[in-house]
Amino acid sequence: MAQVIQANYEHSLFLIVEGRYYRLRTSRVLRASGRSPGIIAQPMRACVIALDDPWRQRDGGTARTRLLVQALADLGNNTSVAYVSDRSGDEPSIPDVTFRSVTTVPLGERRWTKPLKKYKQQLLPLPTMRGGMIAALGRHIAELAPDVIVVSQLRAAPYSAFAPTAALWLDQADVWSLFLRREIEERSGLARATAAAQLRYIRAAEIEWTRRASLISTAGYGDGKYLESIANKPVEWLPTAVAPLEVPRRAGDEPTAGFLANFAFWPNRDAFELLCEQWAPALRELGWKTIVAGIGSERLSSASNIEILGQVNDLADFYSRVDIALAPIRLGGGVKVKIIEALMYGRPVIASSYALQGFPSDLADSISTVTDIAPDFSSIIERALGSQEPLALARKYFSPEAWEQKIERMLGVLG
């Protein structure tokens, strides 16, 4: 059974046939005869824009991009990806997806700017909007001529200018203004003043682009409520999906808690400091070992009470080593994908209260928390190990099936 719906940009019609979306255009060939214009169905062209290489880096943000690409292709759209990669000609192989890459990286990641990056971050914590603009990437987008542009970073939204008739889907893995607000609380003096100036600029950009967007989605539940308040339009909560996997615990190891993260992201390095100074010593007093793994973990300063595994290629191997996953996070924004992964791999989580911001209240309330300073794990560990509620709620919210169903529904009401 076919269904026709109308979007509110360019007076577009979409035909839905067995879950696949086709943009309709009217034919004026029959106008001279006085007959009604015919309707010709064309697959909808969706272009995902990434200012990194989602198939090289493996973290929460790139996982989300990969999932968006796969879902759009699975739903029958003519899907393309315009992205940044230093592996020219080495494109991933995904059926029915077109790839267009450039080797020019955003301004803050270029070789000559890298030595200045840490000084820049002391003044401006987040990347700049202008620094993300790459002319060659824009040309690819113009050539692809998409009907819909999908971006997961605010600073990629201006690329919609290269496809002026396309609808903009603003998907926010992190809401930058909320991230900055927390960051400012931790600063003082000049660094606080310059971060506050960047916050004002980012807030203005969020207002501008959420109001321009035809569709808005967020990874974090609370992030969506915030964007609704400034955009005056509905925002879809689209939590990042993770396929559930039963991972048996490796036999013979002592009780172990683990922290898995991308340590190229400085809020995770801050979390590691908290882990070293407060959480790991408290766990050791109770006879628990602490391990750390993930991108950049091999460059962390080692601590006597923590074992560092380095980057892991197989998440199941990491989770087979741990009884509990830790999230000692004090900074950052959005939803913490590593918490989702741990729950979907069958591991209970002990988190800071801040780490659970972005989750729906029922799930957040079900996850065990401890204080940042002087944490008391003595009763919390038993509670975390004994509760199945967080695992059940995670499967409800974060399954791949729920993800694709939401995207299908969102495309159906595009605009």
Protein backbone atom coordinates (compact mmCIF):
# COMPACT_ATOMS: atom_id res chain seq x y z
CA MET A 1 0.00 0.00 0.00
CA ALA A 2 1.36 3.42 -0.98
CA GLN A 3 0.98 6.65 0.99
CA VAL A 4 1.68 10.19 -0.17
CA ILE A 5 2.76 12.88 2.31
CA GLN A 6 3.72 16.53 1.86
CA ALA A 7 6.77 18.22 3.36
CA ASN A 8 6.79 21.95 4.03
CA TYR A 9 9.87 22.86 2.01
CA GLU A 10 9.78 23.45 -1.75
CA HIS A 11 6.19 22.06 -1.71
CA SER A 12 7.65 18.57 -1.93
CA LEU A 13 5.65 15.37 -1.97
CA PHE A 14 6.98 12.02 -0.77
CA LEU A 15 5.62 8.63 -1.77
CA ILE A 16 6.03 5.84 0.80
CA VAL A 17 5.99 2.33 -0.65
CA GLU A 18 6.79 -0.56 1.69
CA GLY A 19 8.74 1.73 3.99
CA ARG A 20 10.83 3.30 1.23
CA TYR A 21 10.69 7.05 0.60
CA TYR A 22 10.54 8.62 -2.87
CA ARG A 23 10.51 12.34 -3.55
CA LEU A 24 7.86 13.22 -6.13
CA ARG A 25 8.16 15.91 -8.76
CA THR A 26 5.33 17.04 -11.02
CA SER A 27 5.72 16.80 -14.77
CA ARG A 28 4.52 19.72 -16.86
CA VAL A 29 4.77 17.77 -20.12
CA LEU A 30 1.00 17.28 -20.24
CA ARG A 31 0.13 20.94 -19.52
CA ALA A 32 -0.58 21.75 -23.18
CA SER A 33 -3.13 18.99 -23.40
CA GLY A 34 -5.02 20.36 -20.41
CA ARG A 35 -4.62 17.10 -18.49
CA SER A 36 -3.42 17.01 -14.87
CA PRO A 37 0.36 16.99 -14.45
CA GLY A 38 1.82 13.53 -14.04
CA ILE A 39 3.80 12.49 -10.97
CA ILE A 40 7.20 10.87 -11.38
CA ALA A 41 8.70 9.10 -8.35
CA GLN A 42 12.37 9.58 -7.58
CA PRO A 43 14.28 8.10 -4.63
CA MET A 44 14.99 10.79 -2.03
CA ARG A 45 18.63 11.90 -2.03
CA ALA A 46 20.04 12.13 1.51
CA CYS A 47 23.56 13.43 2.17
CA VAL A 48 25.26 12.96 5.54
CA ILE A 49 28.06 15.47 6.25
CA ALA A 50 30.94 14.58 8.58
CA LEU A 51 33.96 16.73 9.45
CA ASP A 52 35.96 13.62 10.30
CA ASP A 53 36.28 10.05 9.04
CA PRO A 54 33.52 8.01 10.72
CA TRP A 55 35.04 4.75 9.50
CA ARG A 56 38.51 5.42 10.89
CA GLN A 57 37.75 6.81 14.31
CA ARG A 58 35.70 4.64 16.64
CA ASP A 59 33.95 6.71 19.28
CA GLY A 60 30.44 7.70 20.25
CA GLY A 61 30.12 10.51 17.72
CA THR A 62 31.37 8.51 14.73
CA ALA A 63 29.23 5.52 15.72
CA ARG A 64 26.21 7.78 15.45
CA THR A 65 27.22 8.95 11.97
CA ARG A 66 27.70 5.38 10.78
CA LEU A 67 24.28 4.41 12.14
CA LEU A 68 22.60 7.35 10.39
CA VAL A 69 24.19 6.42 7.06
CA GLN A 70 23.17 2.78 7.38
CA ALA A 71 19.60 3.55 8.41
CA LEU A 72 19.08 6.04 5.57
CA ALA A 73 20.37 3.49 3.06
CA ASP A 74 18.33 0.65 4.55
CA LEU A 75 15.18 2.75 4.19
CA GLY A 76 15.74 2.97 0.44
CA ASN A 77 17.11 6.49 0.09
CA ASN A 78 19.84 7.44 -2.38
CA THR A 79 22.35 7.99 0.41
CA SER A 80 25.68 9.78 0.15
CA VAL A 81 28.37 10.83 2.63
CA ALA A 82 30.51 13.96 2.23
CA TYR A 83 33.33 13.69 4.75
CA VAL A 84 36.92 14.41 5.68
CA SER A 85 39.50 11.64 5.40
CA ASP A 86 43.26 11.38 5.05
CA ARG A 87 42.82 8.03 3.29
CA SER A 88 42.16 9.22 -0.24
CA GLY A 89 40.63 6.45 -2.38
CA ASP A 90 40.21 4.12 0.60
CA GLU A 91 36.46 4.37 1.02
CA PRO A 92 34.29 2.00 3.03
CA SER A 93 32.18 -0.49 1.10
CA ILE A 94 28.50 -0.05 1.91
CA PRO A 95 25.92 -1.09 -0.70
CA ASP A 96 23.95 1.76 -2.29
CA VAL A 97 25.95 4.52 -0.53
CA THR A 98 28.00 7.10 -2.44
CA PHE A 99 31.13 8.50 -0.78
CA ARG A 100 32.79 11.85 -1.46
CA SER A 101 35.82 12.68 0.68
CA VAL A 102 38.34 15.49 0.96
CA THR A 103 41.75 15.35 2.58
CA THR A 104 41.65 18.93 3.85
CA VAL A 105 40.85 18.86 7.57
CA PRO A 106 39.10 21.58 9.62
CA LEU A 107 41.28 24.52 10.57
CA GLY A 108 42.04 23.46 14.14
CA GLU A 109 43.32 20.04 13.02
CA ARG A 110 45.82 21.22 10.41
CA ARG A 111 49.49 20.53 11.00
CA TRP A 112 50.49 24.17 11.47
CA THR A 113 47.67 24.85 13.97
CA LYS A 114 48.12 21.74 16.13
CA PRO A 115 50.89 23.22 18.32
CA LEU A 116 48.52 26.10 19.12
CA LYS A 117 45.52 23.91 19.87
CA LYS A 118 46.00 23.54 23.62
CA TYR A 119 46.46 27.30 24.00
CA LYS A 120 43.39 27.97 21.89
CA GLN A 121 41.31 25.57 24.02
CA GLN A 122 42.34 27.46 27.14
CA LEU A 123 40.55 30.46 25.68
CA LEU A 124 37.90 28.90 23.40
CA PRO A 125 36.98 25.38 24.55
CA LEU A 126 35.08 24.37 21.41
CA PRO A 127 35.92 24.42 17.69
CA THR A 128 34.90 27.54 15.83
CA MET A 129 32.06 27.56 13.30
CA ARG A 130 34.20 29.16 10.59
CA GLY A 131 37.06 26.70 11.13
CA GLY A 132 34.87 23.82 9.98
CA MET A 133 34.23 25.24 6.49
CA ILE A 134 36.14 23.47 3.70
CA ALA A 135 35.50 24.67 0.14
CA ALA A 136 36.17 21.29 -1.53
CA LEU A 137 33.66 19.58 0.77
CA GLY A 138 31.06 22.18 -0.17
CA ARG A 139 31.64 21.49 -3.86
CA HIS A 140 31.00 17.78 -3.32
CA ILE A 141 27.71 18.59 -1.60
CA ALA A 142 26.64 20.86 -4.47
CA GLU A 143 27.43 18.10 -7.00
CA LEU A 144 25.45 15.51 -5.02
CA ALA A 145 22.38 17.83 -5.09
CA PRO A 146 20.66 16.24 -2.07
CA ASP A 147 17.03 16.63 -1.09
CA VAL A 148 18.01 16.30 2.57
CA ILE A 149 21.27 17.25 4.32
CA VAL A 150 22.02 15.51 7.63
CA VAL A 151 24.59 17.01 10.03
CA SER A 152 25.55 15.86 13.52
CA GLN A 153 27.68 18.89 14.39
CA LEU A 154 26.38 22.41 14.67
CA ARG A 155 29.35 23.81 12.74
CA ALA A 156 28.46 21.62 9.73
CA ALA A 157 25.02 23.26 9.39
CA PRO A 158 26.31 26.14 7.17
CA TYR A 159 27.12 23.56 4.47
CA SER A 160 23.39 23.62 3.69
CA ALA A 161 24.18 26.76 1.66
CA PHE A 162 25.72 24.48 -0.99
CA ALA A 163 22.33 22.78 -1.50
CA PRO A 164 19.87 25.64 -1.00
CA THR A 165 16.75 23.66 -1.94
CA ALA A 166 17.54 20.77 0.43
CA ALA A 167 15.89 20.29 3.79
CA LEU A 168 18.27 20.48 6.75
CA TRP A 169 18.19 17.70 9.35
CA LEU A 170 20.10 19.00 12.35
CA ASP A 171 21.07 15.98 14.44
CA GLN A 172 22.85 16.98 17.66
CA ALA A 173 25.08 14.39 19.30
CA ASP A 174 26.07 17.18 21.73
CA VAL A 175 24.42 20.54 22.34
CA TRP A 176 27.41 22.84 22.44
CA SER A 177 25.91 25.60 24.57
CA LEU A 178 25.08 23.14 27.37
CA PHE A 179 28.60 21.73 27.16
CA LEU A 180 30.06 25.24 27.42
CA ARG A 181 27.89 26.21 30.37
CA ARG A 182 29.39 23.39 32.42
CA GLU A 183 32.90 24.18 31.17
CA ILE A 184 32.59 27.83 32.23
CA GLU A 185 31.77 26.78 35.79
CA GLU A 186 35.21 25.13 35.99
CA ARG A 187 37.12 28.21 34.75
CA SER A 188 38.23 31.53 36.14
CA GLY A 189 39.79 34.80 34.95
CA LEU A 190 40.46 35.35 31.27
CA ALA A 191 39.68 31.73 30.35
CA ARG A 192 36.23 32.09 31.89
CA ALA A 193 35.55 35.38 30.08
CA THR A 194 36.58 34.06 26.65
CA ALA A 195 34.59 30.85 27.12
CA ALA A 196 31.55 32.95 28.07
CA ALA A 197 32.02 34.97 24.86
CA GLN A 198 32.09 31.77 22.83
CA LEU A 199 28.93 30.60 24.65
CA ARG A 200 27.06 33.73 23.50
CA TYR A 201 28.13 33.11 19.92
CA ILE A 202 27.19 29.42 20.05
CA ARG A 203 23.77 30.16 21.54
CA ALA A 204 23.05 32.57 18.70
CA ALA A 205 24.12 29.92 16.17
CA GLU A 206 21.92 27.28 17.82
CA ILE A 207 18.91 29.58 17.65
CA GLU A 208 19.58 30.40 14.01
CA TRP A 209 20.11 26.85 12.78
CA THR A 210 17.41 25.12 14.83
CA ARG A 211 14.90 27.59 13.43
CA ARG A 212 16.15 26.99 9.90
CA ALA A 213 16.16 23.21 10.22
CA SER A 214 13.29 21.14 8.87
CA LEU A 215 14.07 18.32 11.29
CA ILE A 216 15.94 18.29 14.62
CA SER A 217 17.06 15.32 16.68
CA THR A 218 19.31 14.88 19.71
CA ALA A 219 21.19 12.03 21.32
CA GLY A 220 20.46 13.36 24.81
CA TYR A 221 16.93 13.45 26.23
CA GLY A 222 17.48 16.70 28.11
CA ASP A 223 19.25 18.21 25.10
CA GLY A 224 16.08 17.75 23.08
CA LYS A 225 13.96 19.58 25.65
CA TYR A 226 16.41 22.49 25.63
CA LEU A 227 16.44 22.79 21.83
CA GLU A 228 12.63 22.67 21.76
CA SER A 229 12.60 25.70 24.05
CA ILE A 230 14.76 27.79 21.71
CA ALA A 231 13.50 26.49 18.35
CA ASN A 232 9.77 26.61 19.16
CA LYS A 233 9.31 23.36 17.23
CA PRO A 234 9.34 19.63 18.03
CA VAL A 235 12.69 17.92 18.60
CA GLU A 236 13.00 14.15 18.31
CA TRP A 237 14.95 12.28 20.97
CA LEU A 238 17.05 9.85 18.90
CA PRO A 239 19.37 7.98 21.28
CA THR A 240 22.36 6.28 19.70
CA ALA A 241 21.65 2.61 19.06
CA VAL A 242 23.84 -0.27 20.20
CA ALA A 243 23.16 -3.90 19.33
CA PRO A 244 22.78 -5.99 22.51
CA LEU A 245 25.37 -8.69 23.04
CA GLU A 246 25.71 -11.25 25.80
CA VAL A 247 29.36 -11.25 26.86
CA PRO A 248 30.39 -13.95 29.35
CA ARG A 249 32.73 -12.88 32.14
CA ARG A 250 36.26 -14.20 31.77
CA ALA A 251 36.98 -16.76 34.48
CA GLY A 252 39.72 -16.41 37.06
CA ASP A 253 40.01 -12.64 37.32
CA GLU A 254 39.57 -10.68 40.52
CA PRO A 255 36.52 -8.37 40.77
CA THR A 256 37.15 -5.65 38.20
CA ALA A 257 35.65 -2.28 37.33
CA GLY A 258 36.47 -0.67 33.98
CA PHE A 259 36.39 2.72 32.29
CA LEU A 260 36.32 2.73 28.47
CA ALA A 261 36.51 6.08 26.64
CA ASN A 262 38.04 8.14 23.85
CA PHE A 263 40.81 10.00 25.69
CA ALA A 264 41.46 12.32 22.76
CA PHE A 265 38.38 14.09 24.15
CA TRP A 266 39.53 16.18 27.12
CA PRO A 267 36.44 15.64 29.36
CA ASN A 268 37.42 11.97 29.38
CA ARG A 269 40.95 12.86 30.46
CA ASP A 270 39.40 14.86 33.31
CA ALA A 271 37.34 11.77 34.18
CA PHE A 272 40.55 9.71 34.26
CA GLU A 273 42.05 12.13 36.78
CA LEU A 274 39.01 11.73 39.01
CA LEU A 275 39.26 7.97 38.63
CA CYS A 276 42.92 7.95 39.66
CA GLU A 277 42.52 10.32 42.58
CA GLN A 278 39.20 9.21 44.07
CA TRP A 279 37.37 6.25 42.58
CA ALA A 280 40.13 3.68 41.98
CA PRO A 281 41.62 4.01 45.51
CA ALA A 282 38.15 3.58 47.04
CA LEU A 283 37.54 0.49 44.93
CA ARG A 284 40.95 -0.97 45.81
CA GLU A 285 40.10 -0.72 49.51
CA LEU A 286 37.17 -3.05 48.79
CA GLY A 287 39.33 -5.52 46.87
CA TRP A 288 38.39 -4.33 43.38
CA LYS A 289 40.78 -3.86 40.47
CA THR A 290 40.33 -0.96 38.00
CA ILE A 291 41.19 -1.10 34.30
CA VAL A 292 41.10 1.62 31.63
CA ALA A 293 41.00 1.29 27.84
CA GLY A 294 40.15 3.25 24.71
CA ILE A 295 41.57 5.64 22.12
CA GLY A 296 44.53 7.53 23.55
CA SER A 297 44.58 5.59 26.83
CA GLU A 298 48.12 4.38 26.11
CA ARG A 299 49.27 8.00 26.47
CA LEU A 300 47.75 8.49 29.91
CA SER A 301 50.00 8.77 32.93
CA SER A 302 49.97 5.38 34.60
CA ALA A 303 48.78 5.01 38.17
CA SER A 304 49.72 2.22 40.55
CA ASN A 305 46.08 1.37 41.24
CA ILE A 306 44.96 1.28 37.57
CA GLU A 307 45.84 -1.08 34.71
CA ILE A 308 45.83 0.59 31.27
CA LEU A 309 45.00 -1.69 28.34
CA GLY A 310 45.34 0.82 25.50
CA GLN A 311 43.02 0.92 22.50
CA VAL A 312 40.79 -2.13 22.11
CA ASN A 313 39.56 -3.39 18.75
CA ASP A 314 36.92 -5.68 20.21
CA LEU A 315 34.52 -4.21 22.79
CA ALA A 316 33.45 -7.70 23.81
CA ASP A 317 37.02 -8.44 24.90
CA PHE A 318 37.01 -5.39 27.18
CA TYR A 319 33.63 -6.18 28.73
CA SER A 320 34.63 -9.82 29.28
CA ARG A 321 37.25 -8.46 31.70
CA VAL A 322 34.93 -6.30 33.82
CA ASP A 323 32.09 -6.88 36.26
CA ILE A 324 31.05 -3.21 36.41
CA ALA A 325 31.55 -0.28 34.03
CA LEU A 326 32.47 3.12 35.48
CA ALA A 327 31.52 6.60 34.24
CA PRO A 328 33.35 9.17 36.44
CA ILE A 329 32.44 12.05 34.13
CA ARG A 330 32.26 15.71 35.22
CA LEU A 331 32.46 17.54 31.88
CA GLY A 332 31.10 17.19 28.35
CA GLY A 333 27.66 17.11 26.83
CA GLY A 334 25.13 14.90 25.13
CA VAL A 335 24.50 11.30 26.05
CA LYS A 336 27.40 9.08 27.10
CA VAL A 337 27.51 6.31 24.51
CA LYS A 338 29.89 4.21 26.62
CA ILE A 339 27.18 3.93 29.28
CA ILE A 340 24.77 2.68 26.63
CA GLU A 341 27.36 0.22 25.32
CA ALA A 342 28.08 -1.17 28.78
CA LEU A 343 24.39 -1.76 29.49
CA MET A 344 23.78 -3.32 26.08
CA TYR A 345 26.74 -5.63 26.70
CA GLY A 346 25.13 -6.73 29.95
CA ARG A 347 27.34 -4.83 32.39
CA PRO A 348 25.92 -2.70 35.22
CA VAL A 349 27.16 0.88 35.47
CA ILE A 350 28.24 3.06 38.38
CA ALA A 351 28.31 6.70 37.34
CA SER A 352 28.62 10.24 38.51
CA SER A 353 25.35 12.13 38.62
CA TYR A 354 26.57 14.36 35.80
CA ALA A 355 27.25 11.39 33.51
CA LEU A 356 23.55 10.53 33.54
CA GLN A 357 22.37 13.89 32.26
CA GLY A 358 20.93 13.30 28.82
CA PHE A 359 19.20 10.05 29.76
CA PRO A 360 15.45 9.71 30.39
CA SER A 361 14.61 9.96 34.07
CA ASP A 362 13.52 6.33 34.56
CA LEU A 363 16.82 5.00 33.21
CA ALA A 364 18.93 7.62 35.03
CA ASP A 365 17.19 6.82 38.33
CA SER A 366 17.84 3.10 37.89
CA ILE A 367 21.63 3.48 37.48
CA SER A 368 23.76 3.52 40.62
CA THR A 369 25.69 6.71 41.35
CA VAL A 370 28.44 7.80 43.73
CA THR A 371 29.84 11.22 44.58
CA ASP A 372 32.83 12.58 42.69
CA ILE A 373 34.86 13.11 45.86
CA ALA A 374 35.19 10.47 48.59
CA PRO A 375 32.85 8.00 46.86
CA ASP A 376 31.31 5.24 48.97
CA PHE A 377 31.13 2.06 46.89
CA SER A 378 30.47 -0.32 49.79
CA SER A 379 26.70 -0.66 49.29
CA ILE A 380 26.49 0.63 45.73
CA ILE A 381 28.39 -2.29 44.18
CA GLU A 382 25.94 -4.86 45.53
CA ARG A 383 22.99 -2.80 44.33
CA ALA A 384 24.47 -2.37 40.84
CA LEU A 385 25.25 -6.06 40.45
CA GLY A 386 21.82 -7.10 41.65
CA SER A 387 19.60 -4.84 39.55
CA GLN A 388 18.34 -5.84 36.11
CA GLU A 389 16.22 -2.71 35.59
CA PRO A 390 18.92 -0.60 33.86
CA LEU A 391 19.68 -3.44 31.42
CA ALA A 392 16.00 -3.88 30.54
CA LEU A 393 15.44 -0.14 30.05
CA ALA A 394 18.56 0.13 27.88
CA ARG A 395 17.23 -2.57 25.56
CA LYS A 396 13.95 -0.66 25.35
CA TYR A 397 15.52 2.67 24.41
CA PHE A 398 18.71 1.86 22.52
CA SER A 399 18.04 -1.16 20.30
CA PRO A 400 18.83 -0.90 16.56
CA GLU A 401 15.17 -1.68 15.85
CA ALA A 402 13.99 1.31 17.91
CA TRP A 403 16.58 3.52 16.16
CA GLU A 404 15.48 2.62 12.64
CA GLN A 405 11.78 2.88 13.50
CA LYS A 406 12.32 6.41 14.81
CA ILE A 407 14.23 7.47 11.71
CA GLU A 408 11.53 6.02 9.45
CA ARG A 409 8.87 7.95 11.37
CA MET A 410 10.95 11.15 11.28
CA LEU A 411 11.40 10.95 7.51
CA GLY A 412 7.67 10.46 7.21
CA VAL A 413 7.00 13.83 8.83
CA LEU A 414 10.02 15.62 7.40
CA GLY A 415 9.69 19.33 7.85
